[in-house]
Amino acid sequence: MGPVHRRLVVLLAAVAFLLPQALGKGKGHDGPVNPQVASICAHARFPEVCTSTTGRHASKYPVIDSRAVLNMQVDAFAKKTAQARKHVTRTSRAKPMLIPNLVFCDKMYEHTQDAIKAAQRAIPFKDKGTAIIMLQLAVQDFESCDRPFISGGIPNPMGKFNTELSQIAQNCMALAQMI
């Protein structure tokens, strides 16, 4: 029984160590947010969205200022847009009758990605005007995804993504005012 007991203890220890990470609760997911990030995110339209999408990336920046937090939030915007495009592909396979509307959404998300890239290019130069205009264009692009669904009286399967994108975009625009 000795070797079996030791193996069981080792197995339980491994599970106890790895379970929080498997559930997304390990280091970097729900840990404390850098106070400087939290302070800057407090000026965003959706502070809790700002801290949850940027806080864990603070260690990647040597200086935490409004421009660093804006970069983190714009990166989160880009990643969420990429996730939306992947969701369009999955939804198209599951709901073929929505393909024309979803193709339109995918095109709008692609335009959103282009606008985000332009905003990212403006930020290092502290070009607040260009950054904000490009972020506004990004919002117009992904919000256009709703049009074919509204006109057809069909619920938009991308609605949740669009809500999250809107919140992140509003945060980006508020933070861009600070650079």
Protein backbone atom coordinates (compact mmCIF):
# COMPACT_ATOMS: atom_id res chain seq x y z
CA MET A 1 0.00 0.00 0.00
CA GLY A 2 2.94 2.36 0.51
CA PRO A 3 3.75 3.00 -3.20
CA VAL A 4 0.06 3.31 -4.13
CA HIS A 5 -0.52 5.82 -1.32
CA ARG A 6 2.47 7.90 -2.46
CA ARG A 7 1.23 7.90 -6.06
CA LEU A 8 -2.20 8.98 -4.91
CA VAL A 9 -0.72 11.85 -2.90
CA VAL A 10 1.39 12.94 -5.88
CA LEU A 11 -1.65 12.76 -8.17
CA LEU A 12 -3.79 14.80 -5.78
CA ALA A 13 -1.03 17.39 -5.42
CA ALA A 14 -0.73 17.68 -9.20
CA VAL A 15 -4.50 18.09 -9.57
CA ALA A 16 -4.58 20.71 -6.80
CA PHE A 17 -1.78 22.62 -8.53
CA LEU A 18 -3.13 22.44 -12.09
CA LEU A 19 -6.88 22.75 -11.49
CA PRO A 20 -6.92 26.54 -10.94
CA GLN A 21 -4.99 27.04 -14.19
CA ALA A 22 -7.28 24.68 -16.10
CA LEU A 23 -10.29 26.62 -14.87
CA GLY A 24 -8.73 29.93 -15.91
CA LYS A 25 -8.11 31.02 -12.32
CA GLY A 26 -4.37 30.72 -12.24
CA LYS A 27 -1.80 33.48 -12.17
CA GLY A 28 -2.60 36.24 -14.63
CA HIS A 29 -6.32 35.60 -14.86
CA ASP A 30 -8.03 36.64 -11.63
CA GLY A 31 -5.06 37.97 -9.74
CA PRO A 32 -4.85 41.48 -8.41
CA VAL A 33 -4.84 44.21 -11.03
CA ASN A 34 -1.88 46.56 -11.13
CA PRO A 35 -3.02 49.65 -9.16
CA GLN A 36 -1.70 51.99 -11.88
CA VAL A 37 -3.78 50.16 -14.50
CA ALA A 38 -6.84 50.27 -12.24
CA SER A 39 -6.34 54.00 -11.68
CA ILE A 40 -6.18 54.72 -15.41
CA CYS A 41 -9.03 52.30 -16.20
CA ALA A 42 -11.18 54.23 -13.71
CA HIS A 43 -11.39 56.96 -16.39
CA ALA A 44 -12.76 54.54 -19.00
CA ARG A 45 -16.47 54.25 -19.80
CA PHE A 46 -16.49 50.60 -18.61
CA PRO A 47 -13.73 50.40 -15.94
CA GLU A 48 -14.39 46.76 -15.07
CA VAL A 49 -14.06 45.76 -18.74
CA CYS A 50 -10.86 47.79 -18.96
CA THR A 51 -9.24 46.16 -15.93
CA SER A 52 -10.36 42.66 -16.88
CA THR A 53 -9.00 42.93 -20.43
CA THR A 54 -5.81 44.88 -19.71
CA GLY A 55 -4.78 44.30 -16.12
CA ARG A 56 -3.02 40.99 -16.69
CA HIS A 57 -0.81 42.50 -19.42
CA ALA A 58 0.74 45.23 -17.27
CA SER A 59 3.90 43.22 -16.67
CA LYS A 60 4.70 43.48 -20.39
CA TYR A 61 5.10 47.27 -20.15
CA PRO A 62 8.09 48.93 -18.46
CA VAL A 63 6.04 52.07 -17.76
CA ILE A 64 2.34 52.08 -16.95
CA ASP A 65 0.78 55.28 -18.19
CA SER A 66 -2.35 56.18 -20.14
CA ARG A 67 -0.69 55.33 -23.44
CA ALA A 68 0.37 51.88 -22.19
CA VAL A 69 -3.16 51.14 -20.93
CA LEU A 70 -4.59 52.43 -24.23
CA ASN A 71 -2.26 50.05 -26.09
CA MET A 72 -3.41 47.19 -23.87
CA GLN A 73 -7.06 48.04 -24.47
CA VAL A 74 -6.59 48.42 -28.24
CA ASP A 75 -4.85 45.04 -28.26
CA ALA A 76 -7.87 43.59 -26.43
CA PHE A 77 -10.12 45.22 -29.06
CA ALA A 78 -8.10 43.59 -31.85
CA LYS A 79 -8.19 40.18 -30.15
CA LYS A 80 -11.95 40.35 -29.50
CA THR A 81 -12.52 41.31 -33.16
CA ALA A 82 -10.47 38.29 -34.27
CA GLN A 83 -12.57 36.11 -31.94
CA ALA A 84 -15.72 37.57 -33.51
CA ARG A 85 -14.49 36.61 -36.97
CA LYS A 86 -13.84 33.05 -35.80
CA HIS A 87 -17.33 32.94 -34.29
CA VAL A 88 -18.79 34.07 -37.64
CA THR A 89 -17.13 31.07 -39.29
CA ARG A 90 -18.44 28.63 -36.67
CA THR A 91 -21.94 30.12 -36.78
CA SER A 92 -21.99 29.98 -40.59
CA ARG A 93 -21.43 26.23 -40.42
CA ALA A 94 -24.20 25.75 -37.85
CA LYS A 95 -26.74 28.09 -39.44
CA PRO A 96 -26.41 28.02 -43.26
CA MET A 97 -29.51 30.20 -43.77
CA LEU A 98 -27.65 33.09 -42.12
CA ILE A 99 -24.59 32.86 -44.37
CA PRO A 100 -25.27 36.04 -46.41
CA ASN A 101 -25.72 38.11 -43.24
CA LEU A 102 -22.70 36.52 -41.57
CA VAL A 103 -20.52 37.08 -44.65
CA PHE A 104 -21.47 40.75 -44.39
CA CYS A 105 -20.54 40.72 -40.68
CA ASP A 106 -17.21 39.10 -41.43
CA LYS A 107 -16.45 41.84 -43.97
CA MET A 108 -17.36 44.48 -41.39
CA TYR A 109 -15.12 42.84 -38.78
CA GLU A 110 -12.32 42.81 -41.35
CA HIS A 111 -12.81 46.57 -41.83
CA THR A 112 -12.82 46.93 -38.03
CA GLN A 113 -9.45 45.19 -37.90
CA ASP A 114 -8.06 47.58 -40.52
CA ALA A 115 -9.29 50.60 -38.54
CA ILE A 116 -7.81 49.21 -35.32
CA LYS A 117 -4.43 48.77 -37.05
CA ALA A 118 -4.56 52.39 -38.19
CA ALA A 119 -5.35 53.50 -34.63
CA GLN A 120 -2.44 51.39 -33.35
CA ARG A 121 -0.11 53.15 -35.80
CA ALA A 122 -1.27 56.58 -34.55
CA ILE A 123 -0.82 55.91 -30.82
CA PRO A 124 3.03 55.89 -30.67
CA PHE A 125 2.98 59.35 -32.25
CA LYS A 126 0.41 60.54 -29.67
CA ASP A 127 -1.85 61.38 -32.61
CA LYS A 128 -5.02 61.49 -30.56
CA GLY A 129 -7.18 62.79 -33.41
CA THR A 130 -6.32 60.00 -35.84
CA ALA A 131 -6.56 57.33 -33.13
CA ILE A 132 -10.04 58.46 -32.10
CA ILE A 133 -11.30 58.80 -35.69
CA MET A 134 -10.05 55.31 -36.55
CA LEU A 135 -11.62 53.87 -33.40
CA GLN A 136 -14.92 55.56 -34.32
CA LEU A 137 -14.70 54.04 -37.81
CA ALA A 138 -14.06 50.64 -36.23
CA VAL A 139 -17.24 51.02 -34.17
CA GLN A 140 -19.27 52.00 -37.25
CA ASP A 141 -17.96 48.94 -39.07
CA PHE A 142 -18.83 46.30 -36.49
CA GLU A 143 -22.14 47.99 -35.61
CA SER A 144 -23.06 47.67 -39.31
CA CYS A 145 -23.20 43.92 -38.73
CA ASP A 146 -26.60 44.41 -37.08
CA ARG A 147 -28.26 45.95 -40.16
CA PRO A 148 -29.09 42.82 -42.18
CA PHE A 149 -30.42 41.09 -39.08
CA ILE A 150 -32.59 44.03 -38.05
CA SER A 151 -33.99 44.49 -41.56
CA GLY A 152 -34.77 40.75 -41.72
CA GLY A 153 -36.25 40.64 -38.23
CA ILE A 154 -33.72 37.98 -37.23
CA PRO A 155 -31.79 37.90 -33.94
CA ASN A 156 -28.11 38.60 -34.56
CA PRO A 157 -25.96 35.69 -33.36
CA MET A 158 -23.09 38.17 -33.14
CA GLY A 159 -24.93 40.45 -30.71
CA LYS A 160 -22.90 39.43 -27.65
CA PHE A 161 -19.64 40.07 -29.48
CA ASN A 162 -20.87 43.43 -30.73
CA THR A 163 -21.81 44.48 -27.18
CA GLU A 164 -18.37 43.51 -25.87
CA LEU A 165 -16.64 45.19 -28.81
CA SER A 166 -18.66 48.35 -28.21
CA GLN A 167 -17.63 48.49 -24.55
CA ILE A 168 -13.96 47.94 -25.35
CA ALA A 169 -14.11 50.53 -28.16
CA GLN A 170 -15.70 53.12 -25.88
CA ASN A 171 -12.92 52.47 -23.37
CA CYS A 172 -10.32 52.93 -26.10
CA MET A 173 -11.80 56.27 -27.13
CA ALA A 174 -11.90 57.51 -23.52
CA LEU A 175 -8.30 56.42 -22.96
CA ALA A 176 -7.21 58.00 -26.27
CA GLN A 177 -8.41 61.34 -24.89
CA MET A 178 -5.72 60.96 -22.21
CA ILE A 179 -2.68 60.66 -24.52
